[in-house]
């Protein structure tokens, strides 16, 4: 077998926020990934950490990609797909880069913490300094550094920042347990300036 054919069969590297999420999950955990896309994270967790993983994905293309990976995935809407699961069915429920597209994030987070002991979310930070400067100098709604999508493209998203999300969690009675901040894929120690310097955040959540 040629080197070229070997390389072509290798899976592409995981997105930086997905690697950060994987680091937060214990081996053998029961995991539900909602909005799991092509199943790359679930496959990684299954192969590297022997998790018992399931997924929920809206698009047919995503479901088919997951099936090809040998994953257990059901097709459904993120905001409705959790209703069929009993309380505490999973150790961890994951929602990666999907929060800005939800119509009712409070309900989804509450459901995540109903069916799972811990919730993990990742999202792009529109409080990053580049976003602030773009709005200041151009008067245009910025595109998040780690989520290159225009405001008019489908699905529509609602920009928010790390500070917005922290205040939102306090308002709905959710505690942020652990925090990881990334800047263009690299982990950063941001201190008091996390909202200014991070392009993506990864949080683990618990009931208050």
Protein backbone atom coordinates (compact mmCIF):
# COMPACT_ATOMS: atom_id res chain seq x y z
CA UNK A 1 0.00 0.00 0.00
CA UNK A 2 1.41 3.39 -0.97
CA UNK A 3 1.99 6.21 1.47
CA UNK A 4 -0.54 8.31 -0.44
CA UNK A 5 -3.31 5.75 0.11
CA UNK A 6 -2.48 5.52 3.81
CA UNK A 7 -2.70 9.26 4.25
CA UNK A 8 -5.99 9.47 2.35
CA UNK A 9 -7.71 7.08 4.78
CA UNK A 10 -6.77 9.04 7.88
CA UNK A 11 -9.47 11.18 9.51
CA UNK A 12 -8.88 14.93 9.48
CA UNK A 13 -7.80 16.44 12.81
CA UNK A 14 -10.51 17.43 15.25
CA UNK A 15 -11.51 21.07 15.57
CA UNK A 16 -9.76 22.75 18.50
CA UNK A 17 -12.89 23.18 20.62
CA UNK A 18 -13.79 19.50 20.11
CA UNK A 19 -10.34 18.46 21.33
CA UNK A 20 -10.85 20.64 24.40
CA UNK A 21 -14.23 19.00 25.00
CA UNK A 22 -12.69 15.54 24.64
CA UNK A 23 -10.13 16.40 27.33
CA UNK A 24 -12.98 17.11 29.76
CA UNK A 25 -14.64 13.69 29.37
CA UNK A 26 -13.70 10.69 31.49
CA UNK A 27 -12.98 7.32 29.83
CA UNK A 28 -16.01 5.06 29.61
CA UNK A 29 -18.51 7.88 30.16
CA UNK A 30 -22.03 7.84 28.75
CA UNK A 31 -22.10 10.72 26.28
CA UNK A 32 -24.82 12.38 24.20
CA UNK A 33 -23.69 14.81 21.49
CA UNK A 34 -26.58 16.95 20.26
CA UNK A 35 -26.04 18.59 16.90
CA UNK A 36 -23.23 16.08 16.39
CA UNK A 37 -22.61 16.92 12.71
CA UNK A 38 -20.59 14.25 10.94
CA UNK A 39 -19.81 12.43 14.19
CA UNK A 40 -16.11 13.27 14.31
CA UNK A 41 -16.14 13.96 18.06
CA UNK A 42 -18.17 10.85 18.92
CA UNK A 43 -15.85 8.70 16.84
CA UNK A 44 -12.81 10.21 18.56
CA UNK A 45 -14.32 9.62 22.02
CA UNK A 46 -15.31 6.06 21.15
CA UNK A 47 -11.87 5.15 19.79
CA UNK A 48 -9.71 7.07 22.29
CA UNK A 49 -11.78 6.98 25.49
CA UNK A 50 -14.15 4.04 24.97
CA UNK A 51 -17.19 6.19 25.74
CA UNK A 52 -20.72 4.90 25.25
CA UNK A 53 -21.80 7.60 22.82
CA UNK A 54 -25.00 8.60 21.08
CA UNK A 55 -25.82 11.56 18.89
CA UNK A 56 -28.67 13.71 17.64
CA UNK A 57 -28.29 15.41 14.26
CA UNK A 58 -30.77 17.38 12.15
CA UNK A 59 -29.32 16.98 8.68
CA UNK A 60 -29.60 13.79 6.68
CA UNK A 61 -26.03 14.22 5.41
CA UNK A 62 -24.74 14.39 8.97
CA UNK A 63 -26.69 11.30 10.03
CA UNK A 64 -25.38 9.33 7.06
CA UNK A 65 -21.80 10.40 7.86
CA UNK A 66 -22.28 9.19 11.43
CA UNK A 67 -23.69 5.86 10.28
CA UNK A 68 -20.63 5.35 8.07
CA UNK A 69 -18.50 5.80 11.17
CA UNK A 70 -20.50 3.10 12.94
CA UNK A 71 -22.11 5.53 15.41
CA UNK A 72 -25.52 5.40 17.08
CA UNK A 73 -27.23 8.59 15.92
CA UNK A 74 -30.86 9.62 15.52
CA UNK A 75 -32.16 12.34 13.24
CA UNK A 76 -33.97 15.13 15.03
CA UNK A 77 -34.14 18.77 16.04
CA UNK A 78 -31.74 19.84 18.79
CA UNK A 79 -34.51 21.70 20.60
CA UNK A 80 -36.91 18.73 20.58
CA UNK A 81 -34.65 15.67 20.48
CA UNK A 82 -34.01 15.49 24.24
CA UNK A 83 -37.61 14.99 25.33
CA UNK A 84 -37.52 11.19 24.83
CA UNK A 85 -34.57 10.63 27.16
CA UNK A 86 -35.15 9.87 30.88
CA UNK A 87 -33.53 11.95 33.62
CA UNK A 88 -29.79 11.36 34.13
CA UNK A 89 -29.49 9.04 31.11
CA UNK A 90 -25.96 10.30 30.40
CA UNK A 91 -22.89 11.42 32.26
CA UNK A 92 -22.19 14.21 29.76
CA UNK A 93 -24.32 16.03 27.19
CA UNK A 94 -22.41 18.06 24.57
CA UNK A 95 -23.50 21.06 22.51
CA UNK A 96 -20.67 22.38 20.33
CA UNK A 97 -20.92 25.60 18.31
CA UNK A 98 -24.74 25.40 18.25
CA UNK A 99 -25.88 27.80 20.98
CA UNK A 100 -26.01 30.89 18.71
CA UNK A 101 -28.53 29.14 16.45
CA UNK A 102 -31.05 28.13 19.15
CA UNK A 103 -34.43 29.80 19.52
CA UNK A 104 -34.72 28.83 23.21
CA UNK A 105 -31.25 28.27 24.71
CA UNK A 106 -32.55 28.30 28.29
CA UNK A 107 -34.84 25.35 27.58
CA UNK A 108 -32.11 23.40 25.77
CA UNK A 109 -29.57 23.91 28.57
CA UNK A 110 -32.16 22.89 31.17
CA UNK A 111 -32.92 19.73 29.18
CA UNK A 112 -29.21 18.97 28.81
CA UNK A 113 -28.84 19.11 32.59
CA UNK A 114 -31.95 17.00 33.04
CA UNK A 115 -30.77 14.09 30.88
CA UNK A 116 -27.08 14.50 31.79
CA UNK A 117 -25.11 15.00 34.98
CA UNK A 118 -22.88 17.56 33.26
CA UNK A 119 -23.32 19.70 30.16
CA UNK A 120 -20.44 20.89 28.00
CA UNK A 121 -20.89 23.75 25.54
CA UNK A 122 -18.55 25.51 23.14
CA UNK A 123 -19.27 28.73 21.30
CA UNK A 124 -17.56 31.52 19.41
CA UNK A 125 -16.98 34.76 21.30
CA UNK A 126 -18.19 37.95 19.63
CA UNK A 127 -16.62 39.93 22.49
CA UNK A 128 -13.15 39.32 21.01
CA UNK A 129 -11.23 42.51 20.27
CA UNK A 130 -11.25 41.95 16.51
CA UNK A 131 -15.06 41.80 16.51
CA UNK A 132 -15.21 45.00 18.57
CA UNK A 133 -12.87 46.84 16.22
CA UNK A 134 -14.72 45.69 13.11
CA UNK A 135 -18.02 47.00 14.45
CA UNK A 136 -16.40 50.24 15.61
CA UNK A 137 -14.56 51.09 12.39
CA UNK A 138 -16.82 49.60 9.72
CA UNK A 139 -20.26 49.84 11.35
CA UNK A 140 -20.93 46.28 10.20
CA UNK A 141 -21.90 43.27 12.32
CA UNK A 142 -18.66 41.29 12.63
CA UNK A 143 -18.09 37.68 11.68
CA UNK A 144 -16.76 35.68 14.64
CA UNK A 145 -13.12 34.69 14.22
CA UNK A 146 -13.85 30.97 14.69
CA UNK A 147 -17.31 30.93 13.06
CA UNK A 148 -16.98 32.48 9.56
CA UNK A 149 -20.63 32.96 8.68
CA UNK A 150 -22.41 36.09 7.46
CA UNK A 151 -25.49 37.31 9.33
CA UNK A 152 -27.82 36.54 6.42
CA UNK A 153 -26.72 32.94 5.86
CA UNK A 154 -28.77 29.98 7.05
CA UNK A 155 -29.07 28.91 9.79
CA UNK A 156 -29.36 32.38 11.31
CA UNK A 157 -27.33 32.98 14.47
CA UNK A 158 -27.52 35.40 17.38
CA UNK A 159 -24.09 36.80 18.32
CA UNK A 160 -23.17 36.87 22.01
CA UNK A 161 -20.03 37.09 24.10
CA UNK A 162 -18.42 35.19 26.96
CA UNK A 163 -19.72 37.83 29.37
CA UNK A 164 -23.24 37.56 27.93
CA UNK A 165 -23.25 33.82 28.45
CA UNK A 166 -21.93 34.00 32.01
CA UNK A 167 -24.69 36.46 32.96
CA UNK A 168 -27.28 34.31 31.19
CA UNK A 169 -26.21 31.25 33.20
CA UNK A 170 -26.56 33.14 36.48
CA UNK A 171 -30.01 34.31 35.42
CA UNK A 172 -31.32 30.79 34.70
CA UNK A 173 -29.65 29.11 37.67
CA UNK A 174 -26.77 27.29 35.98
CA UNK A 175 -23.22 27.16 37.37
CA UNK A 176 -20.17 27.32 35.12
CA UNK A 177 -17.88 24.66 36.55
CA UNK A 178 -14.80 24.59 34.28
CA UNK A 179 -13.65 27.01 31.60
CA UNK A 180 -11.30 26.66 28.63
CA UNK A 181 -10.49 29.61 26.36
CA UNK A 182 -9.08 29.36 22.86
CA UNK A 183 -7.62 31.93 20.51
CA UNK A 184 -7.52 30.75 16.90
CA UNK A 185 -7.35 27.16 18.05
CA UNK A 186 -4.71 27.60 20.78
CA UNK A 187 -5.47 27.50 24.49
CA UNK A 188 -4.83 30.82 26.20
CA UNK A 189 -4.66 32.07 29.77
CA UNK A 190 -6.77 35.19 29.61
CA UNK A 191 -7.33 36.12 33.25
CA UNK A 192 -9.62 39.11 33.57
CA UNK A 193 -9.47 39.68 29.79
CA UNK A 194 -11.10 36.41 28.67
CA UNK A 195 -13.92 38.26 26.91
CA UNK A 196 -11.42 40.42 25.05
CA UNK A 197 -8.79 37.84 24.08
CA UNK A 198 -10.62 34.53 23.47
CA UNK A 199 -12.15 33.62 20.12
CA UNK A 200 -13.89 30.46 21.43
CA UNK A 201 -14.94 29.31 24.90
CA UNK A 202 -15.59 25.80 26.23
CA UNK A 203 -17.59 25.53 29.49
CA UNK A 204 -18.78 22.66 31.64
CA UNK A 205 -22.12 23.41 33.30
CA UNK A 206 -23.90 22.15 36.40
CA UNK A 207 -27.17 22.92 38.12
CA UNK A 208 -26.73 25.77 40.58
